[in-house]
Amino acid sequence: MKLVVVSAGLSVPSSTRLLADRLAAAVERLAPAEVQVVEVRDLAVAIAHHLTSGFPGRDLAAAQDAVTGADALIVVTPVFSASYSGLFKSFFDVLDKDALAGKPVLIAATGGSARHSLVLDHALRPLFSYLRAVIVPTGVYAASEDWGAEGLDGRIERAAGELAALLPEGRPEARPATSGASATSAKARDCFEVVPFAEQLAALSPTGAAGA
């Protein structure tokens, strides 16, 4: 099983990379996997060339293949102007539009103030929803004051457990229960028939046809 970590930190050392490593380690404890880290900082020039020429270059192509072939992703960005960094966004802009479809993704971000924590729901979650990824419920935000404080470790472990539960090799204790009523509900969802909206309107119409 392959877990790819996309870290968009710019400095060395980087709090963004530190958070990425801690998240990956927490997932590995629950679902042993081969971990590969993509440092977007090292691909900045290649990304710019790809945006202007359409050709990714060897290193960027390898990173794109890693992300596309991963069983799951952990993505971490620093906050710039109340959103993800431009470099982070550019990396996902040059991926194939279907690369993340159905892929489990854990979103995380770092910033200087807790006031930017809404970046998870206002920027990252919409981006990966658009890319049709499966986003774990818990996102992890780490402000400067969170390092060494209570709370961050708990959020990391909770998010890691949710990602591990979506992986085929995740430990049973990391997965939601599927017995009894839950299993019946899951089976019902699998057998659910999607009826086109136009047909639903037609069924409600007195004349049997959808209105204007």
N, C-alpha and C. Protein backbone atom coordinates (compact mmCIF):
# COMPACT_ATOMS: atom_id res chain seq x y z
N MET A 1 0.85 -1.19 0.00
CA MET A 1 0.00 0.00 0.00
C MET A 1 0.88 1.24 0.00
N LYS A 2 0.53 2.22 -0.79
CA LYS A 2 1.37 3.39 -0.97
C LYS A 2 0.66 4.65 -0.47
N LEU A 3 1.34 5.36 0.42
CA LEU A 3 0.85 6.62 0.96
C LEU A 3 1.78 7.73 0.48
N VAL A 4 1.24 8.72 -0.21
CA VAL A 4 2.03 9.83 -0.71
C VAL A 4 1.69 11.08 0.08
N VAL A 5 2.74 11.76 0.54
CA VAL A 5 2.60 12.99 1.31
C VAL A 5 3.03 14.16 0.44
N VAL A 6 2.16 15.12 0.25
CA VAL A 6 2.48 16.32 -0.53
C VAL A 6 2.66 17.47 0.45
N SER A 7 3.91 17.94 0.56
CA SER A 7 4.24 19.01 1.49
C SER A 7 4.65 20.25 0.71
N ALA A 8 3.99 21.37 0.99
CA ALA A 8 4.25 22.60 0.25
C ALA A 8 4.98 23.64 1.08
N GLY A 9 5.68 23.22 2.12
CA GLY A 9 6.46 24.16 2.91
C GLY A 9 7.57 24.79 2.09
N LEU A 10 7.93 26.01 2.42
CA LEU A 10 8.95 26.73 1.66
C LEU A 10 10.27 26.85 2.40
N SER A 11 10.26 26.83 3.71
CA SER A 11 11.48 27.03 4.49
C SER A 11 12.12 25.69 4.87
N VAL A 12 13.36 25.77 5.33
CA VAL A 12 14.08 24.60 5.83
C VAL A 12 14.76 24.98 7.14
N PRO A 13 14.37 24.37 8.28
CA PRO A 13 13.30 23.37 8.43
C PRO A 13 11.92 24.00 8.27
N SER A 14 10.93 23.15 8.06
CA SER A 14 9.59 23.63 7.75
C SER A 14 8.57 23.03 8.72
N SER A 15 7.74 23.88 9.32
CA SER A 15 6.67 23.37 10.18
C SER A 15 5.65 22.59 9.35
N THR A 16 5.50 22.97 8.09
CA THR A 16 4.59 22.24 7.20
C THR A 16 5.07 20.82 7.01
N ARG A 17 6.38 20.65 6.76
CA ARG A 17 6.93 19.30 6.61
C ARG A 17 6.86 18.54 7.93
N LEU A 18 7.07 19.21 9.04
CA LEU A 18 6.98 18.55 10.34
C LEU A 18 5.59 17.99 10.58
N LEU A 19 4.57 18.79 10.28
CA LEU A 19 3.20 18.31 10.44
C LEU A 19 2.94 17.15 9.48
N ALA A 20 3.43 17.25 8.25
CA ALA A 20 3.24 16.17 7.28
C ALA A 20 3.85 14.87 7.78
N ASP A 21 5.06 14.95 8.34
CA ASP A 21 5.74 13.75 8.83
C ASP A 21 4.99 13.14 10.02
N ARG A 22 4.47 13.98 10.90
CA ARG A 22 3.74 13.46 12.06
C ARG A 22 2.43 12.79 11.64
N LEU A 23 1.78 13.35 10.66
CA LEU A 23 0.55 12.73 10.15
C LEU A 23 0.86 11.38 9.49
N ALA A 24 1.91 11.33 8.68
CA ALA A 24 2.29 10.09 8.01
C ALA A 24 2.65 9.01 9.02
N ALA A 25 3.40 9.38 10.06
CA ALA A 25 3.79 8.41 11.07
C ALA A 25 2.56 7.86 11.81
N ALA A 26 1.58 8.73 12.07
CA ALA A 26 0.37 8.29 12.75
C ALA A 26 -0.43 7.32 11.89
N VAL A 27 -0.50 7.57 10.58
CA VAL A 27 -1.20 6.66 9.68
C VAL A 27 -0.47 5.33 9.60
N GLU A 28 0.86 5.38 9.51
CA GLU A 28 1.65 4.14 9.42
C GLU A 28 1.44 3.23 10.62
N ARG A 29 1.23 3.80 11.79
CA ARG A 29 1.01 2.98 12.97
C ARG A 29 -0.29 2.19 12.88
N LEU A 30 -1.23 2.68 12.10
CA LEU A 30 -2.53 2.02 11.96
C LEU A 30 -2.62 1.16 10.70
N ALA A 31 -1.97 1.59 9.65
CA ALA A 31 -2.04 0.89 8.37
C ALA A 31 -0.66 0.95 7.72
N PRO A 32 0.23 0.00 8.01
CA PRO A 32 1.59 0.03 7.47
C PRO A 32 1.60 0.25 5.96
N ALA A 33 2.39 1.20 5.51
CA ALA A 33 2.39 1.56 4.10
C ALA A 33 3.77 2.06 3.69
N GLU A 34 4.00 2.03 2.39
CA GLU A 34 5.20 2.66 1.82
C GLU A 34 4.90 4.15 1.69
N VAL A 35 5.70 4.97 2.35
CA VAL A 35 5.46 6.41 2.35
C VAL A 35 6.44 7.11 1.41
N GLN A 36 5.91 7.95 0.55
CA GLN A 36 6.74 8.77 -0.34
C GLN A 36 6.35 10.23 -0.14
N VAL A 37 7.33 11.08 0.05
CA VAL A 37 7.09 12.51 0.26
C VAL A 37 7.40 13.28 -1.02
N VAL A 38 6.47 14.11 -1.43
CA VAL A 38 6.68 15.02 -2.55
C VAL A 38 6.85 16.42 -1.98
N GLU A 39 8.06 16.97 -2.10
CA GLU A 39 8.33 18.34 -1.66
C GLU A 39 8.05 19.28 -2.83
N VAL A 40 6.93 20.00 -2.75
CA VAL A 40 6.54 20.85 -3.87
C VAL A 40 7.55 21.97 -4.09
N ARG A 41 8.21 22.41 -3.03
CA ARG A 41 9.24 23.46 -3.15
C ARG A 41 10.30 23.09 -4.19
N ASP A 42 10.69 21.83 -4.22
CA ASP A 42 11.73 21.38 -5.15
C ASP A 42 11.25 21.32 -6.59
N LEU A 43 9.94 21.43 -6.78
CA LEU A 43 9.37 21.32 -8.14
C LEU A 43 8.88 22.66 -8.67
N ALA A 44 9.19 23.74 -7.98
CA ALA A 44 8.62 25.05 -8.33
C ALA A 44 8.93 25.45 -9.78
N VAL A 45 10.18 25.32 -10.18
CA VAL A 45 10.56 25.71 -11.54
C VAL A 45 9.90 24.80 -12.57
N ALA A 46 9.89 23.51 -12.29
CA ALA A 46 9.28 22.56 -13.22
C ALA A 46 7.78 22.82 -13.37
N ILE A 47 7.11 23.19 -12.27
CA ILE A 47 5.69 23.50 -12.34
C ILE A 47 5.45 24.73 -13.22
N ALA A 48 6.28 25.77 -13.05
CA ALA A 48 6.14 26.97 -13.87
C ALA A 48 6.36 26.66 -15.34
N HIS A 49 7.36 25.84 -15.64
CA HIS A 49 7.61 25.46 -17.04
C HIS A 49 6.43 24.68 -17.61
N HIS A 50 5.87 23.79 -16.79
CA HIS A 50 4.75 22.99 -17.27
C HIS A 50 3.53 23.86 -17.56
N LEU A 51 3.30 24.86 -16.72
CA LEU A 51 2.15 25.74 -16.92
C LEU A 51 2.28 26.55 -18.21
N THR A 52 3.52 26.86 -18.60
CA THR A 52 3.73 27.68 -19.79
C THR A 52 4.00 26.87 -21.05
N SER A 53 4.52 25.65 -20.88
CA SER A 53 4.89 24.85 -22.06
C SER A 53 4.04 23.60 -22.24
N GLY A 54 3.44 23.13 -21.16
CA GLY A 54 2.65 21.91 -21.24
C GLY A 54 3.46 20.64 -21.04
N PHE A 55 4.76 20.75 -20.76
CA PHE A 55 5.62 19.59 -20.56
C PHE A 55 6.10 19.57 -19.11
N PRO A 56 5.92 18.45 -18.39
CA PRO A 56 6.22 18.44 -16.97
C PRO A 56 7.69 18.31 -16.60
N GLY A 57 8.50 17.72 -17.45
CA GLY A 57 9.88 17.45 -17.04
C GLY A 57 9.94 16.18 -16.20
N ARG A 58 11.13 15.60 -16.05
CA ARG A 58 11.27 14.29 -15.43
C ARG A 58 10.84 14.28 -13.97
N ASP A 59 11.31 15.22 -13.17
CA ASP A 59 11.02 15.20 -11.73
C ASP A 59 9.54 15.45 -11.45
N LEU A 60 8.95 16.41 -12.16
CA LEU A 60 7.53 16.69 -11.95
C LEU A 60 6.69 15.52 -12.43
N ALA A 61 7.07 14.91 -13.54
CA ALA A 61 6.32 13.76 -14.04
C ALA A 61 6.36 12.61 -13.04
N ALA A 62 7.51 12.42 -12.39
CA ALA A 62 7.62 11.36 -11.39
C ALA A 62 6.71 11.65 -10.20
N ALA A 63 6.64 12.92 -9.79
CA ALA A 63 5.76 13.31 -8.68
C ALA A 63 4.29 13.11 -9.06
N GLN A 64 3.95 13.48 -10.29
CA GLN A 64 2.58 13.29 -10.75
C GLN A 64 2.20 11.81 -10.76
N ASP A 65 3.13 10.96 -11.22
CA ASP A 65 2.87 9.52 -11.24
C ASP A 65 2.70 8.97 -9.82
N ALA A 66 3.51 9.49 -8.90
CA ALA A 66 3.42 9.03 -7.51
C ALA A 66 2.05 9.35 -6.93
N VAL A 67 1.58 10.57 -7.15
CA VAL A 67 0.28 10.99 -6.63
C VAL A 67 -0.84 10.18 -7.28
N THR A 68 -0.76 10.01 -8.59
CA THR A 68 -1.80 9.27 -9.30
C THR A 68 -1.85 7.82 -8.86
N GLY A 69 -0.70 7.22 -8.58
CA GLY A 69 -0.64 5.82 -8.20
C GLY A 69 -0.80 5.54 -6.72
N ALA A 70 -0.97 6.57 -5.92
CA ALA A 70 -1.06 6.38 -4.47
C ALA A 70 -2.41 5.79 -4.07
N ASP A 71 -2.39 5.03 -2.98
CA ASP A 71 -3.64 4.54 -2.40
C ASP A 71 -4.32 5.63 -1.57
N ALA A 72 -3.52 6.57 -1.06
CA ALA A 72 -4.07 7.67 -0.26
C ALA A 72 -3.06 8.80 -0.23
N LEU A 73 -3.56 10.00 0.08
CA LEU A 73 -2.71 11.19 0.13
C LEU A 73 -2.86 11.90 1.46
N ILE A 74 -1.75 12.50 1.89
CA ILE A 74 -1.76 13.50 2.95
C ILE A 74 -1.25 14.78 2.30
N VAL A 75 -2.01 15.86 2.35
CA VAL A 75 -1.60 17.10 1.71
C VAL A 75 -1.53 18.21 2.75
N VAL A 76 -0.41 18.92 2.77
CA VAL A 76 -0.19 19.95 3.80
C VAL A 76 0.35 21.20 3.14
N THR A 77 -0.27 22.33 3.44
CA THR A 77 0.16 23.61 2.86
C THR A 77 0.32 24.66 3.95
N PRO A 78 1.25 25.58 3.79
CA PRO A 78 1.24 26.76 4.65
C PRO A 78 0.14 27.71 4.19
N VAL A 79 -0.29 28.58 5.09
CA VAL A 79 -1.35 29.54 4.75
C VAL A 79 -0.72 30.84 4.25
N PHE A 80 -1.19 31.29 3.08
CA PHE A 80 -0.78 32.58 2.53
C PHE A 80 -2.04 33.35 2.17
N SER A 81 -2.17 34.56 2.67
CA SER A 81 -3.34 35.40 2.36
C SER A 81 -4.65 34.65 2.59
N ALA A 82 -4.73 33.97 3.74
CA ALA A 82 -5.94 33.27 4.18
C ALA A 82 -6.34 32.10 3.29
N SER A 83 -5.38 31.54 2.53
CA SER A 83 -5.69 30.41 1.68
C SER A 83 -4.45 29.54 1.53
N TYR A 84 -4.56 28.48 0.71
CA TYR A 84 -3.40 27.65 0.43
C TYR A 84 -2.40 28.46 -0.39
N SER A 85 -1.16 28.01 -0.40
CA SER A 85 -0.13 28.73 -1.14
C SER A 85 -0.35 28.56 -2.64
N GLY A 86 0.12 29.53 -3.41
CA GLY A 86 0.00 29.44 -4.86
C GLY A 86 0.75 28.26 -5.43
N LEU A 87 1.90 27.93 -4.83
CA LEU A 87 2.69 26.79 -5.30
C LEU A 87 1.95 25.48 -5.07
N PHE A 88 1.32 25.37 -3.91
CA PHE A 88 0.51 24.18 -3.60
C PHE A 88 -0.59 24.01 -4.63
N LYS A 89 -1.33 25.08 -4.89
CA LYS A 89 -2.43 25.02 -5.87
C LYS A 89 -1.91 24.70 -7.26
N SER A 90 -0.77 25.28 -7.63
CA SER A 90 -0.22 25.05 -8.97
C SER A 90 0.15 23.58 -9.18
N PHE A 91 0.64 22.94 -8.13
CA PHE A 91 0.97 21.52 -8.26
C PHE A 91 -0.26 20.71 -8.63
N PHE A 92 -1.38 20.98 -7.98
CA PHE A 92 -2.59 20.22 -8.29
C PHE A 92 -3.23 20.69 -9.60
N ASP A 93 -2.92 21.91 -10.02
CA ASP A 93 -3.41 22.38 -11.32
C ASP A 93 -2.81 21.59 -12.48
N VAL A 94 -1.59 21.09 -12.31
CA VAL A 94 -0.92 20.40 -13.42
C VAL A 94 -1.11 18.89 -13.36
N LEU A 95 -1.93 18.40 -12.42
CA LEU A 95 -2.28 16.99 -12.41
C LEU A 95 -3.40 16.73 -13.41
N ASP A 96 -3.51 15.49 -13.85
CA ASP A 96 -4.64 15.09 -14.68
C ASP A 96 -5.94 15.30 -13.90
N LYS A 97 -6.98 15.72 -14.57
CA LYS A 97 -8.24 16.07 -13.89
C LYS A 97 -8.87 14.91 -13.15
N ASP A 98 -8.54 13.68 -13.53
CA ASP A 98 -9.11 12.50 -12.87
C ASP A 98 -8.14 11.84 -11.90
N ALA A 99 -6.99 12.45 -11.65
CA ALA A 99 -5.94 11.80 -10.86
C ALA A 99 -6.37 11.49 -9.44
N LEU A 100 -7.23 12.32 -8.86
CA LEU A 100 -7.61 12.14 -7.46
C LEU A 100 -9.02 11.59 -7.27
N ALA A 101 -9.69 11.25 -8.34
CA ALA A 101 -11.07 10.78 -8.25
C ALA A 101 -11.15 9.52 -7.38
N GLY A 102 -11.93 9.60 -6.31
CA GLY A 102 -12.12 8.46 -5.43
C GLY A 102 -10.98 8.16 -4.49
N LYS A 103 -9.96 9.01 -4.46
CA LYS A 103 -8.77 8.74 -3.64
C LYS A 103 -8.93 9.37 -2.26
N PRO A 104 -8.66 8.61 -1.18
CA PRO A 104 -8.74 9.19 0.17
C PRO A 104 -7.66 10.25 0.38
N VAL A 105 -8.06 11.38 0.93
CA VAL A 105 -7.13 12.50 1.14
C VAL A 105 -7.32 13.06 2.54
N LEU A 106 -6.22 13.25 3.25
CA LEU A 106 -6.21 13.94 4.54
C LEU A 106 -5.66 15.34 4.31
N ILE A 107 -6.43 16.36 4.65
CA ILE A 107 -6.01 17.74 4.42
C ILE A 107 -5.46 18.35 5.70
N ALA A 108 -4.41 19.17 5.56
CA ALA A 108 -3.81 19.81 6.73
C ALA A 108 -3.15 21.12 6.30
N ALA A 109 -2.93 22.00 7.26
CA ALA A 109 -2.32 23.30 6.97
C ALA A 109 -1.60 23.82 8.21
N THR A 110 -0.67 24.71 7.98
CA THR A 110 0.06 25.38 9.06
C THR A 110 -0.03 26.88 8.87
N GLY A 111 0.03 27.62 9.97
CA GLY A 111 -0.03 29.07 9.88
C GLY A 111 0.44 29.71 11.17
N GLY A 112 0.58 31.01 11.13
CA GLY A 112 1.10 31.73 12.28
C GLY A 112 0.06 32.03 13.33
N SER A 113 -1.21 31.91 12.99
CA SER A 113 -2.28 32.27 13.91
C SER A 113 -3.44 31.30 13.79
N ALA A 114 -4.10 31.04 14.91
CA ALA A 114 -5.27 30.17 14.91
C ALA A 114 -6.41 30.76 14.08
N ARG A 115 -6.38 32.04 13.82
CA ARG A 115 -7.44 32.69 13.05
C ARG A 115 -7.52 32.15 11.62
N HIS A 116 -6.45 31.52 11.14
CA HIS A 116 -6.45 31.00 9.77
C HIS A 116 -6.93 29.55 9.68
N SER A 117 -7.40 28.99 10.78
CA SER A 117 -7.77 27.57 10.77
C SER A 117 -8.93 27.27 9.81
N LEU A 118 -9.73 28.29 9.51
CA LEU A 118 -10.85 28.06 8.58
C LEU A 118 -10.40 27.78 7.16
N VAL A 119 -9.10 27.92 6.89
CA VAL A 119 -8.58 27.59 5.56
C VAL A 119 -8.91 26.15 5.17
N LEU A 120 -9.01 25.28 6.17
CA LEU A 120 -9.32 23.87 5.87
C LEU A 120 -10.68 23.74 5.20
N ASP A 121 -11.67 24.43 5.72
CA ASP A 121 -13.03 24.29 5.19
C ASP A 121 -13.36 25.28 4.07
N HIS A 122 -12.70 26.43 4.07
CA HIS A 122 -13.01 27.45 3.06
C HIS A 122 -12.16 27.34 1.80
N ALA A 123 -11.03 26.64 1.87
CA ALA A 123 -10.14 26.56 0.70
C ALA A 123 -9.78 25.11 0.35
N LEU A 124 -9.22 24.37 1.30
CA LEU A 124 -8.74 23.03 0.98
C LEU A 124 -9.87 22.05 0.68
N ARG A 125 -10.88 22.04 1.53
CA ARG A 125 -11.96 21.07 1.31
C ARG A 125 -12.69 21.31 -0.02
N PRO A 126 -13.03 22.55 -0.39
CA PRO A 126 -13.64 22.75 -1.71
C PRO A 126 -12.73 22.34 -2.88
N LEU A 127 -11.42 22.59 -2.75
CA LEU A 127 -10.50 22.22 -3.82
C LEU A 127 -10.52 20.72 -4.07
N PHE A 128 -10.41 19.93 -3.00
CA PHE A 128 -10.34 18.48 -3.19
C PHE A 128 -11.71 17.86 -3.43
N SER A 129 -12.76 18.54 -3.04
CA SER A 129 -14.10 18.09 -3.45
C SER A 129 -14.26 18.26 -4.95
N TYR A 130 -13.76 19.39 -5.48
CA TYR A 130 -13.81 19.61 -6.93
C TYR A 130 -13.02 18.54 -7.68
N LEU A 131 -11.91 18.10 -7.09
CA LEU A 131 -11.08 17.07 -7.72
C LEU A 131 -11.63 15.67 -7.48
N ARG A 132 -12.77 15.59 -6.79
CA ARG A 132 -13.51 14.34 -6.55
C ARG A 132 -12.75 13.36 -5.66
N ALA A 133 -11.93 13.90 -4.77
CA ALA A 133 -11.27 13.06 -3.79
C ALA A 133 -12.23 12.74 -2.64
N VAL A 134 -11.88 11.71 -1.87
CA VAL A 134 -12.64 11.36 -0.67
C VAL A 134 -11.90 11.98 0.51
N ILE A 135 -12.43 13.04 1.08
CA ILE A 135 -11.73 13.82 2.11
C ILE A 135 -12.13 13.31 3.48
N VAL A 136 -11.15 13.00 4.33
CA VAL A 136 -11.48 12.53 5.67
C VAL A 136 -12.14 13.68 6.45
N PRO A 137 -13.06 13.35 7.37
CA PRO A 137 -13.80 14.40 8.07
C PRO A 137 -12.93 15.38 8.86
N THR A 138 -11.87 14.86 9.49
CA THR A 138 -11.04 15.71 10.34
C THR A 138 -9.86 16.27 9.55
N GLY A 139 -9.82 17.61 9.42
CA GLY A 139 -8.63 18.27 8.89
C GLY A 139 -7.78 18.73 10.06
N VAL A 140 -6.49 18.89 9.83
CA VAL A 140 -5.58 19.27 10.91
C VAL A 140 -4.93 20.61 10.59
N TYR A 141 -5.13 21.56 11.47
CA TYR A 141 -4.48 22.87 11.34
C TYR A 141 -3.56 23.07 12.54
N ALA A 142 -2.34 23.51 12.28
CA ALA A 142 -1.37 23.76 13.35
C ALA A 142 -0.89 25.20 13.27
N ALA A 143 -1.28 26.00 14.25
CA ALA A 143 -0.76 27.36 14.38
C ALA A 143 0.55 27.31 15.16
N SER A 144 1.25 28.41 15.19
CA SER A 144 2.54 28.45 15.88
C SER A 144 2.41 28.02 17.34
N GLU A 145 1.32 28.46 17.99
CA GLU A 145 1.16 28.15 19.41
C GLU A 145 0.73 26.71 19.68
N ASP A 146 0.36 25.96 18.62
CA ASP A 146 -0.09 24.58 18.80
C ASP A 146 1.05 23.60 19.05
N TRP A 147 2.25 23.95 18.58
CA TRP A 147 3.37 23.03 18.72
C TRP A 147 3.74 22.90 20.19
N GLY A 148 3.65 21.68 20.70
CA GLY A 148 3.95 21.43 22.11
C GLY A 148 2.78 21.65 23.03
N ALA A 149 1.65 22.10 22.50
CA ALA A 149 0.45 22.33 23.32
C ALA A 149 -0.49 21.13 23.22
N GLU A 150 -1.41 21.05 24.17
CA GLU A 150 -2.40 19.98 24.14
C GLU A 150 -3.37 20.20 22.98
N GLY A 151 -3.82 19.12 22.41
CA GLY A 151 -4.83 19.19 21.36
C GLY A 151 -4.33 18.77 20.00
N LEU A 152 -3.12 19.18 19.62
CA LEU A 152 -2.64 18.86 18.28
C LEU A 152 -2.46 17.36 18.10
N ASP A 153 -1.86 16.70 19.08
CA ASP A 153 -1.65 15.25 18.96
C ASP A 153 -2.98 14.52 18.79
N GLY A 154 -3.99 14.95 19.51
CA GLY A 154 -5.30 14.31 19.40
C GLY A 154 -5.90 14.48 18.02
N ARG A 155 -5.77 15.67 17.44
CA ARG A 155 -6.30 15.90 16.10
C ARG A 155 -5.54 15.07 15.07
N ILE A 156 -4.22 14.97 15.25
CA ILE A 156 -3.42 14.16 14.33
C ILE A 156 -3.86 12.69 14.37
N GLU A 157 -4.01 12.16 15.57
CA GLU A 157 -4.40 10.76 15.71
C GLU A 157 -5.80 10.50 15.16
N ARG A 158 -6.72 11.43 15.41
CA ARG A 158 -8.09 11.26 14.92
C ARG A 158 -8.12 11.27 13.39
N ALA A 159 -7.44 12.23 12.78
CA ALA A 159 -7.42 12.30 11.33
C ALA A 159 -6.72 11.09 10.72
N ALA A 160 -5.63 10.64 11.35
CA ALA A 160 -4.91 9.47 10.85
C ALA A 160 -5.79 8.23 10.91
N GLY A 161 -6.56 8.09 11.98
CA GLY A 161 -7.47 6.96 12.10
C GLY A 161 -8.54 6.96 11.02
N GLU A 162 -9.03 8.15 10.71
CA GLU A 162 -10.06 8.25 9.66
C GLU A 162 -9.49 7.90 8.30
N LEU A 163 -8.25 8.32 8.03
CA LEU A 163 -7.63 7.96 6.75
C LEU A 163 -7.33 6.47 6.70
N ALA A 164 -6.79 5.91 7.78
CA ALA A 164 -6.47 4.48 7.81
C ALA A 164 -7.72 3.63 7.60
N ALA A 165 -8.86 4.10 8.11
CA ALA A 165 -10.11 3.35 7.96
C ALA A 165 -10.55 3.25 6.51
N LEU A 166 -10.06 4.15 5.66
CA LEU A 166 -10.43 4.14 4.24
C LEU A 166 -9.47 3.30 3.40
N LEU A 167 -8.41 2.80 4.02
CA LEU A 167 -7.41 2.03 3.30
C LEU A 167 -7.68 0.54 3.41
N PRO A 168 -7.40 -0.23 2.35
CA PRO A 168 -7.70 -1.67 2.38
C PRO A 168 -6.93 -2.43 3.44
N GLU A 169 -5.76 -1.93 3.85
CA GLU A 169 -4.95 -2.64 4.84
C GLU A 169 -5.05 -2.01 6.22
N GLY A 170 -6.00 -1.09 6.41
CA GLY A 170 -6.14 -0.46 7.72
C GLY A 170 -6.52 -1.49 8.77
N ARG A 171 -6.06 -1.32 9.99
CA ARG A 171 -6.37 -2.24 11.07
C ARG A 171 -7.86 -2.20 11.38
N PRO A 172 -8.43 -3.34 11.81
CA PRO A 172 -9.87 -3.37 12.10
C PRO A 172 -10.30 -2.31 13.10
N GLU A 173 -9.43 -2.02 14.12
CA GLU A 173 -9.83 -1.04 15.12
C GLU A 173 -9.90 0.36 14.56
N ALA A 174 -9.29 0.59 13.38
CA ALA A 174 -9.31 1.91 12.77
C ALA A 174 -10.49 2.09 11.83
N ARG A 175 -11.23 0.97 11.59
CA ARG A 175 -12.33 1.02 10.63
C ARG A 175 -13.66 1.16 11.33
N PRO A 176 -14.62 1.84 10.70
CA PRO A 176 -15.95 1.90 11.28
C PRO A 176 -16.61 0.53 11.26
N ALA A 177 -17.47 0.25 12.23
CA ALA A 177 -18.14 -1.05 12.28
C ALA A 177 -19.05 -1.22 11.08
N THR A 178 -19.09 -2.45 10.52
CA THR A 178 -19.93 -2.73 9.36
C THR A 178 -20.87 -3.89 9.62
N SER A 179 -21.01 -4.30 10.88
CA SER A 179 -21.88 -5.42 11.21
C SER A 179 -23.29 -4.92 11.52
N GLY A 180 -24.24 -5.86 11.55
CA GLY A 180 -25.60 -5.53 11.96
C GLY A 180 -26.24 -4.49 11.09
N ALA A 181 -26.81 -3.48 11.74
CA ALA A 181 -27.55 -2.43 11.02
C ALA A 181 -26.66 -1.67 10.08
N SER A 182 -25.38 -1.46 10.47
CA SER A 182 -24.47 -0.70 9.61
C SER A 182 -24.23 -1.44 8.31
N ALA A 183 -24.05 -2.78 8.41
CA ALA A 183 -23.82 -3.57 7.20
C ALA A 183 -25.05 -3.55 6.31
N THR A 184 -26.24 -3.65 6.94
CA THR A 184 -27.48 -3.59 6.16
C THR A 184 -27.61 -2.26 5.44
N SER A 185 -27.28 -1.17 6.17
CA SER A 185 -27.35 0.16 5.57
C SER A 185 -26.39 0.29 4.41
N ALA A 186 -25.15 -0.24 4.58
CA ALA A 186 -24.16 -0.16 3.52
C ALA A 186 -24.63 -0.92 2.29
N LYS A 187 -25.24 -2.12 2.52
CA LYS A 187 -25.73 -2.91 1.40
C LYS A 187 -26.85 -2.18 0.68
N ALA A 188 -27.70 -1.53 1.45
CA ALA A 188 -28.80 -0.77 0.84
C ALA A 188 -28.27 0.35 -0.03
N ARG A 189 -27.20 1.02 0.45
CA ARG A 189 -26.63 2.10 -0.35
C ARG A 189 -26.05 1.57 -1.65
N ASP A 190 -25.42 0.37 -1.57
CA ASP A 190 -24.82 -0.21 -2.77
C ASP A 190 -25.88 -0.56 -3.80
N CYS A 191 -27.08 -0.92 -3.32
CA CYS A 191 -28.15 -1.34 -4.24
C CYS A 191 -29.07 -0.18 -4.64
N PHE A 192 -28.79 0.99 -4.15
CA PHE A 192 -29.65 2.14 -4.40
C PHE A 192 -29.67 2.48 -5.88
N GLU A 193 -30.86 2.63 -6.42
CA GLU A 193 -31.01 2.95 -7.83
C GLU A 193 -31.19 4.46 -7.99
N VAL A 194 -30.36 5.06 -8.84
CA VAL A 194 -30.44 6.49 -9.09
C VAL A 194 -31.47 6.74 -10.17
N VAL A 195 -32.49 7.53 -9.85
CA VAL A 195 -33.55 7.87 -10.81
C VAL A 195 -33.29 9.27 -11.32
N PRO A 196 -33.20 9.45 -12.64
CA PRO A 196 -32.98 10.80 -13.19
C PRO A 196 -34.02 11.78 -12.69
N PHE A 197 -33.57 13.03 -12.47
CA PHE A 197 -34.44 14.05 -11.91
C PHE A 197 -35.67 14.29 -12.79
N ALA A 198 -35.47 14.25 -14.10
CA ALA A 198 -36.59 14.48 -15.01
C ALA A 198 -37.68 13.43 -14.83
N GLU A 199 -37.28 12.18 -14.58
CA GLU A 199 -38.27 11.12 -14.36
C GLU A 199 -39.01 11.32 -13.04
N GLN A 200 -38.29 11.80 -12.02
CA GLN A 200 -38.94 12.08 -10.75
C GLN A 200 -39.99 13.18 -10.90
N LEU A 201 -39.67 14.23 -11.67
CA LEU A 201 -40.64 15.30 -11.92
C LEU A 201 -41.84 14.78 -12.69
N ALA A 202 -41.57 13.91 -13.65
CA ALA A 202 -42.67 13.36 -14.45
C ALA A 202 -43.62 12.55 -13.59
N ALA A 203 -43.07 11.80 -12.63
CA ALA A 203 -43.90 10.99 -11.75
C ALA A 203 -44.78 11.85 -10.86
N LEU A 204 -44.33 13.05 -10.52
CA LEU A 204 -45.10 13.95 -9.65
C LEU A 204 -46.14 14.74 -10.41
N SER A 205 -45.95 14.87 -11.72
CA SER A 205 -46.87 15.69 -12.52
C SER A 205 -48.20 14.99 -12.73
N PRO A 206 -49.34 15.70 -12.61
CA PRO A 206 -50.66 15.08 -12.82
C PRO A 206 -50.81 14.49 -14.22
N THR A 207 -50.13 15.04 -15.19
CA THR A 207 -50.25 14.56 -16.56
C THR A 207 -49.19 13.55 -16.90
N GLY A 208 -48.28 13.27 -15.93
CA GLY A 208 -47.25 12.30 -16.18
C GLY A 208 -46.07 12.84 -16.92
N ALA A 209 -46.00 14.17 -17.08
CA ALA A 209 -44.87 14.78 -17.78
C ALA A 209 -44.37 15.94 -16.94
N ALA A 210 -43.07 16.16 -16.99
CA ALA A 210 -42.46 17.24 -16.21
C ALA A 210 -42.90 18.58 -16.76
N GLY A 211 -43.18 19.53 -15.83
CA GLY A 211 -43.55 20.86 -16.26
C GLY A 211 -42.35 21.69 -16.62
N ALA A 212 -42.61 22.93 -16.98
CA ALA A 212 -41.54 23.80 -17.40
C ALA A 212 -40.70 24.21 -16.21
